[in-house]
Amino acid sequence: MDGKLLFFSTFIRYPKEIGSIMPSQRFLVKEIIKNINFDNAKYMMEYGPGTGCVTVEILKRARKDAKILCFEVNRRFCRYLRKNINDNRLVIINDGAENINKHLKKLGISKIDYVISGLPFSALDSYKKCIIIEKTKNKLKSNGKFVVYQFLNNFKRYLYNYFSNISIKFVPLNIPPCFVYVCEK
């Protein structure tokens, strides 16, 4: 199945799990990617890669010794990613972002350079939002970044509870328009 069709059909079935009617467009992907210093990024995580439009761009720029861990709760998306992205730097984990500690320990990774998140935080309860943000912050290296893209601007209040250095960029040329939050540890 085509990636866009898979994304749309999954959104129709699980709108709160997906959060958008279509994958991120190039303007949003460009805004996300520009916040990563690929020369210094050995370990990166992506929460909610969907069909991998951000993942592919990360892999194009990532170091040869990098590891990109993708946490995706939707099994159909995991199968799609495994079938369509053949790169030994990519680790696809069919689990939620709240369980990162378990998987990082299993992989022998103590700290992460960058975390990219497309999770639909507006669909998560406050407790789960806070757990994910706290665990992410705790696993980021000093000067590491948590880059979050959201369609609503009400998420920043959660981020400010954990990060003091946050920049926000509005990307109007995405469908739907989107906010990119860059939180530096």
C-alpha atoms as a PDB file:
ATOM      1  CA  MET A   1       0.000   0.000   0.000  1.00  0.00           C
ATOM      2  CA  ASP A   2       1.182   3.530  -0.800  1.00  0.00           C
ATOM      3  CA  GLY A   3       2.459   5.484   2.237  1.00  0.00           C
ATOM      4  CA  LYS A   4      -0.023   8.358   1.893  1.00  0.00           C
ATOM      5  CA  LEU A   5      -2.960   5.989   1.487  1.00  0.00           C
ATOM      6  CA  LEU A   6      -1.816   3.952   4.488  1.00  0.00           C
ATOM      7  CA  PHE A   7      -1.464   7.130   6.553  1.00  0.00           C
ATOM      8  CA  PHE A   8      -4.929   8.396   5.580  1.00  0.00           C
ATOM      9  CA  SER A   9      -6.664   5.057   6.145  1.00  0.00           C
ATOM     10  CA  THR A  10      -4.971   4.692   9.530  1.00  0.00           C
ATOM     11  CA  PHE A  11      -6.058   8.211  10.482  1.00  0.00           C
ATOM     12  CA  ILE A  12      -9.673   7.335   9.602  1.00  0.00           C
ATOM     13  CA  ARG A  13      -9.519   4.241  11.844  1.00  0.00           C
ATOM     14  CA  TYR A  14      -7.452   5.729  14.704  1.00  0.00           C
ATOM     15  CA  PRO A  15      -7.619   9.555  14.585  1.00  0.00           C
ATOM     16  CA  LYS A  16      -6.413  10.055  18.180  1.00  0.00           C
ATOM     17  CA  GLU A  17      -3.467   7.738  17.634  1.00  0.00           C
ATOM     18  CA  ILE A  18      -2.324   9.431  14.419  1.00  0.00           C
ATOM     19  CA  GLY A  19      -3.164  13.102  14.970  1.00  0.00           C
ATOM     20  CA  SER A  20      -3.018  14.246  11.322  1.00  0.00           C
ATOM     21  CA  ILE A  21      -4.862  13.417   8.154  1.00  0.00           C
ATOM     22  CA  MET A  22      -1.654  13.237   6.087  1.00  0.00           C
ATOM     23  CA  PRO A  23       2.126  12.879   6.539  1.00  0.00           C
ATOM     24  CA  SER A  24       4.297  15.946   7.154  1.00  0.00           C
ATOM     25  CA  GLN A  25       5.072  17.978   4.064  1.00  0.00           C
ATOM     26  CA  ARG A  26       8.552  19.085   2.972  1.00  0.00           C
ATOM     27  CA  PHE A  27       8.293  22.542   4.608  1.00  0.00           C
ATOM     28  CA  LEU A  28       7.699  20.998   8.017  1.00  0.00           C
ATOM     29  CA  VAL A  29      10.339  18.311   7.510  1.00  0.00           C
ATOM     30  CA  LYS A  30      12.864  21.002   6.546  1.00  0.00           C
ATOM     31  CA  GLU A  31      12.062  23.007   9.700  1.00  0.00           C
ATOM     32  CA  ILE A  32      12.508  19.901  11.877  1.00  0.00           C
ATOM     33  CA  ILE A  33      15.747  18.759  10.230  1.00  0.00           C
ATOM     34  CA  LYS A  34      17.443  22.164  10.436  1.00  0.00           C
ATOM     35  CA  ASN A  35      17.524  21.823  14.225  1.00  0.00           C
ATOM     36  CA  ILE A  36      19.821  18.781  14.126  1.00  0.00           C
ATOM     37  CA  ASN A  37      23.610  19.035  13.986  1.00  0.00           C
ATOM     38  CA  PHE A  38      24.230  15.752  12.190  1.00  0.00           C
ATOM     39  CA  ASP A  39      28.017  15.931  12.669  1.00  0.00           C
ATOM     40  CA  ASN A  40      27.528  15.567  16.436  1.00  0.00           C
ATOM     41  CA  ALA A  41      24.458  13.332  16.458  1.00  0.00           C
ATOM     42  CA  LYS A  42      25.232   9.689  17.118  1.00  0.00           C
ATOM     43  CA  TYR A  43      21.987   8.678  18.835  1.00  0.00           C
ATOM     44  CA  MET A  44      18.585  10.004  17.788  1.00  0.00           C
ATOM     45  CA  MET A  45      15.045   8.953  18.566  1.00  0.00           C
ATOM     46  CA  GLU A  46      11.828   9.628  16.732  1.00  0.00           C
ATOM     47  CA  TYR A  47       8.439   9.273  18.403  1.00  0.00           C
ATOM     48  CA  GLY A  48       5.593   8.529  16.012  1.00  0.00           C
ATOM     49  CA  PRO A  49       7.414   8.206  12.681  1.00  0.00           C
ATOM     50  CA  GLY A  50       4.243   7.144  10.866  1.00  0.00           C
ATOM     51  CA  THR A  51       5.256   6.264   7.301  1.00  0.00           C
ATOM     52  CA  GLY A  52       8.748   7.702   7.761  1.00  0.00           C
ATOM     53  CA  CYS A  53       8.856  11.009   5.881  1.00  0.00           C
ATOM     54  CA  VAL A  54      10.994  12.594   8.648  1.00  0.00           C
ATOM     55  CA  THR A  55      12.873   9.343   9.253  1.00  0.00           C
ATOM     56  CA  VAL A  56      14.068   9.133   5.652  1.00  0.00           C
ATOM     57  CA  GLU A  57      15.418  12.693   5.769  1.00  0.00           C
ATOM     58  CA  ILE A  58      17.221  11.987   9.047  1.00  0.00           C
ATOM     59  CA  LEU A  59      18.813   8.880   7.540  1.00  0.00           C
ATOM     60  CA  LYS A  60      19.943  10.817   4.443  1.00  0.00           C
ATOM     61  CA  ARG A  61      21.954  13.167   6.672  1.00  0.00           C
ATOM     62  CA  ALA A  62      22.945  10.952   9.600  1.00  0.00           C
ATOM     63  CA  ARG A  63      26.487   9.773  10.263  1.00  0.00           C
ATOM     64  CA  LYS A  64      27.475   6.278   9.173  1.00  0.00           C
ATOM     65  CA  ASP A  65      27.808   5.219  12.830  1.00  0.00           C
ATOM     66  CA  ALA A  66      24.521   6.818  13.955  1.00  0.00           C
ATOM     67  CA  LYS A  67      21.558   4.941  15.416  1.00  0.00           C
ATOM     68  CA  ILE A  68      18.015   6.195  14.883  1.00  0.00           C
ATOM     69  CA  LEU A  69      15.436   4.609  17.172  1.00  0.00           C
ATOM     70  CA  CYS A  70      11.828   4.967  16.040  1.00  0.00           C
ATOM     71  CA  PHE A  71       9.062   4.390  18.584  1.00  0.00           C
ATOM     72  CA  GLU A  72       5.770   3.644  16.844  1.00  0.00           C
ATOM     73  CA  VAL A  73       2.672   2.133  18.500  1.00  0.00           C
ATOM     74  CA  ASN A  74       0.890   1.345  15.235  1.00  0.00           C
ATOM     75  CA  ARG A  75       1.842  -2.103  13.917  1.00  0.00           C
ATOM     76  CA  ARG A  76       0.840  -1.268  10.344  1.00  0.00           C
ATOM     77  CA  PHE A  77       3.262   1.653  10.331  1.00  0.00           C
ATOM     78  CA  CYS A  78       6.013  -0.517  11.822  1.00  0.00           C
ATOM     79  CA  ARG A  79       5.546  -3.101   9.069  1.00  0.00           C
ATOM     80  CA  TYR A  80       5.551  -0.359   6.432  1.00  0.00           C
ATOM     81  CA  LEU A  81       8.780   1.161   7.802  1.00  0.00           C
ATOM     82  CA  ARG A  82      10.532  -2.226   7.982  1.00  0.00           C
ATOM     83  CA  LYS A  83       9.494  -3.043   4.425  1.00  0.00           C
ATOM     84  CA  ASN A  84      10.287   0.335   2.849  1.00  0.00           C
ATOM     85  CA  ILE A  85      13.368   1.612   4.694  1.00  0.00           C
ATOM     86  CA  ASN A  86      16.379  -0.658   4.479  1.00  0.00           C
ATOM     87  CA  ASP A  87      19.082   0.921   6.645  1.00  0.00           C
ATOM     88  CA  ASN A  88      21.050  -0.830   9.410  1.00  0.00           C
ATOM     89  CA  ARG A  89      21.199   2.435  11.416  1.00  0.00           C
ATOM     90  CA  LEU A  90      17.420   2.315  11.893  1.00  0.00           C
ATOM     91  CA  VAL A  91      15.841   0.493  14.846  1.00  0.00           C
ATOM     92  CA  ILE A  92      12.042   0.292  14.712  1.00  0.00           C
ATOM     93  CA  ILE A  93      10.414  -0.314  18.085  1.00  0.00           C
ATOM     94  CA  ASN A  94       6.714  -1.170  18.261  1.00  0.00           C
ATOM     95  CA  ASP A  95       6.122   0.498  21.613  1.00  0.00           C
ATOM     96  CA  GLY A  96       5.171   3.833  23.131  1.00  0.00           C
ATOM     97  CA  ALA A  97       7.572   6.656  23.983  1.00  0.00           C
ATOM     98  CA  GLU A  98       6.769   6.249  27.676  1.00  0.00           C
ATOM     99  CA  ASN A  99       8.833   3.031  27.566  1.00  0.00           C
ATOM    100  CA  ILE A 100      12.093   4.488  26.216  1.00  0.00           C
ATOM    101  CA  ASN A 101      14.139   3.624  29.315  1.00  0.00           C
ATOM    102  CA  LYS A 102      13.556  -0.112  28.904  1.00  0.00           C
ATOM    103  CA  HIS A 103      14.582  -0.095  25.236  1.00  0.00           C
ATOM    104  CA  LEU A 104      17.602   2.181  25.670  1.00  0.00           C
ATOM    105  CA  LYS A 105      18.885  -0.045  28.463  1.00  0.00           C
ATOM    106  CA  LYS A 106      18.432  -3.142  26.285  1.00  0.00           C
ATOM    107  CA  LEU A 107      20.393  -1.435  23.474  1.00  0.00           C
ATOM    108  CA  GLY A 108      23.134  -0.201  25.827  1.00  0.00           C
ATOM    109  CA  ILE A 109      22.447   3.484  25.097  1.00  0.00           C
ATOM    110  CA  SER A 110      22.567   5.819  28.086  1.00  0.00           C
ATOM    111  CA  LYS A 111      22.013   9.249  26.485  1.00  0.00           C
ATOM    112  CA  ILE A 112      20.444  10.606  23.298  1.00  0.00           C
ATOM    113  CA  ASP A 113      21.542  13.596  21.207  1.00  0.00           C
ATOM    114  CA  TYR A 114      18.193  14.460  19.581  1.00  0.00           C
ATOM    115  CA  VAL A 115      14.580  13.402  19.981  1.00  0.00           C
ATOM    116  CA  ILE A 116      12.022  14.248  17.280  1.00  0.00           C
ATOM    117  CA  SER A 117       8.367  13.864  18.179  1.00  0.00           C
ATOM    118  CA  GLY A 118       5.276  13.878  16.029  1.00  0.00           C
ATOM    119  CA  LEU A 119       3.139  12.308  18.745  1.00  0.00           C
ATOM    120  CA  PRO A 120      -0.386  13.724  18.949  1.00  0.00           C
ATOM    121  CA  PHE A 121       0.155  15.065  22.481  1.00  0.00           C
ATOM    122  CA  SER A 122      -3.265  16.755  22.424  1.00  0.00           C
ATOM    123  CA  ALA A 123      -4.834  13.268  22.410  1.00  0.00           C
ATOM    124  CA  LEU A 124      -2.808  12.060  25.430  1.00  0.00           C
ATOM    125  CA  ASP A 125      -3.831  12.546  29.035  1.00  0.00           C
ATOM    126  CA  SER A 126      -1.753  14.955  31.161  1.00  0.00           C
ATOM    127  CA  TYR A 127      -0.006  12.185  33.081  1.00  0.00           C
ATOM    128  CA  LYS A 128       1.237  10.436  29.937  1.00  0.00           C
ATOM    129  CA  LYS A 129       2.372  13.751  28.398  1.00  0.00           C
ATOM    130  CA  CYS A 130       4.394  14.553  31.506  1.00  0.00           C
ATOM    131  CA  ILE A 131       5.928  11.065  31.724  1.00  0.00           C
ATOM    132  CA  ILE A 132       7.082  11.204  28.096  1.00  0.00           C
ATOM    133  CA  ILE A 133       8.527  14.714  28.426  1.00  0.00           C
ATOM    134  CA  GLU A 134      10.277  13.913  31.720  1.00  0.00           C
ATOM    135  CA  LYS A 135      11.807  10.659  30.474  1.00  0.00           C
ATOM    136  CA  THR A 136      12.887  12.375  27.268  1.00  0.00           C
ATOM    137  CA  LYS A 137      14.595  15.199  29.151  1.00  0.00           C
ATOM    138  CA  ASN A 138      16.341  12.729  31.462  1.00  0.00           C
ATOM    139  CA  LYS A 139      17.737  10.783  28.493  1.00  0.00           C
ATOM    140  CA  LEU A 140      18.936  13.819  26.531  1.00  0.00           C
ATOM    141  CA  LYS A 141      22.634  14.658  26.636  1.00  0.00           C
ATOM    142  CA  SER A 142      23.647  18.087  27.881  1.00  0.00           C
ATOM    143  CA  ASN A 143      22.778  20.499  25.022  1.00  0.00           C
ATOM    144  CA  GLY A 144      20.617  17.789  23.453  1.00  0.00           C
ATOM    145  CA  LYS A 145      17.367  18.826  21.789  1.00  0.00           C
ATOM    146  CA  PHE A 146      13.774  17.666  21.935  1.00  0.00           C
ATOM    147  CA  VAL A 147      12.092  18.798  18.695  1.00  0.00           C
ATOM    148  CA  VAL A 148       8.311  18.497  18.841  1.00  0.00           C
ATOM    149  CA  TYR A 149       5.836  19.312  16.098  1.00  0.00           C
ATOM    150  CA  GLN A 150       2.195  19.889  16.974  1.00  0.00           C
ATOM    151  CA  PHE A 151      -0.881  21.255  15.227  1.00  0.00           C
ATOM    152  CA  LEU A 152      -2.131  23.102  18.308  1.00  0.00           C
ATOM    153  CA  ASN A 153      -0.223  25.764  20.238  1.00  0.00           C
ATOM    154  CA  ASN A 154      -1.437  24.686  23.678  1.00  0.00           C
ATOM    155  CA  PHE A 155       1.386  22.209  24.283  1.00  0.00           C
ATOM    156  CA  LYS A 156       4.072  24.706  25.301  1.00  0.00           C
ATOM    157  CA  ARG A 157       2.843  24.940  28.902  1.00  0.00           C
ATOM    158  CA  TYR A 158       3.847  21.299  29.406  1.00  0.00           C
ATOM    159  CA  LEU A 159       7.260  21.831  27.861  1.00  0.00           C
ATOM    160  CA  TYR A 160       8.012  24.857  30.059  1.00  0.00           C
ATOM    161  CA  ASN A 161       7.614  22.642  33.133  1.00  0.00           C
ATOM    162  CA  TYR A 162      10.733  20.712  32.023  1.00  0.00           C
ATOM    163  CA  PHE A 163      12.734  22.969  29.687  1.00  0.00           C
ATOM    164  CA  SER A 164      13.709  26.621  30.065  1.00  0.00           C
ATOM    165  CA  ASN A 165      15.311  27.074  26.643  1.00  0.00           C
ATOM    166  CA  ILE A 166      12.471  26.705  24.113  1.00  0.00           C
ATOM    167  CA  SER A 167      12.004  28.257  20.689  1.00  0.00           C
ATOM    168  CA  ILE A 168       8.781  28.041  18.703  1.00  0.00           C
ATOM    169  CA  LYS A 169       8.373  28.288  14.940  1.00  0.00           C
ATOM    170  CA  PHE A 170       5.079  28.321  13.047  1.00  0.00           C
ATOM    171  CA  VAL A 171       5.039  26.403   9.737  1.00  0.00           C
ATOM    172  CA  PRO A 172       2.000  27.646   7.771  1.00  0.00           C
ATOM    173  CA  LEU A 173       2.818  25.709   4.587  1.00  0.00           C
ATOM    174  CA  ASN A 174       2.098  22.327   6.121  1.00  0.00           C
ATOM    175  CA  ILE A 175      -1.341  20.694   5.899  1.00  0.00           C
ATOM    176  CA  PRO A 176      -2.498  21.296   8.542  1.00  0.00           C
ATOM    177  CA  PRO A 177      -0.273  24.227   9.627  1.00  0.00           C
ATOM    178  CA  CYS A 178       2.041  23.262  12.443  1.00  0.00           C
ATOM    179  CA  PHE A 179       4.110  24.537  15.387  1.00  0.00           C
ATOM    180  CA  VAL A 180       7.663  23.295  15.900  1.00  0.00           C
ATOM    181  CA  TYR A 181       8.980  23.485  19.466  1.00  0.00           C
ATOM    182  CA  VAL A 182      12.733  23.144  19.948  1.00  0.00           C
ATOM    183  CA  CYS A 183      13.618  22.418  23.572  1.00  0.00           C
ATOM    184  CA  GLU A 184      17.310  22.425  24.493  1.00  0.00           C
ATOM    185  CA  LYS A 185      18.557  20.728  27.631  1.00  0.00           C
END
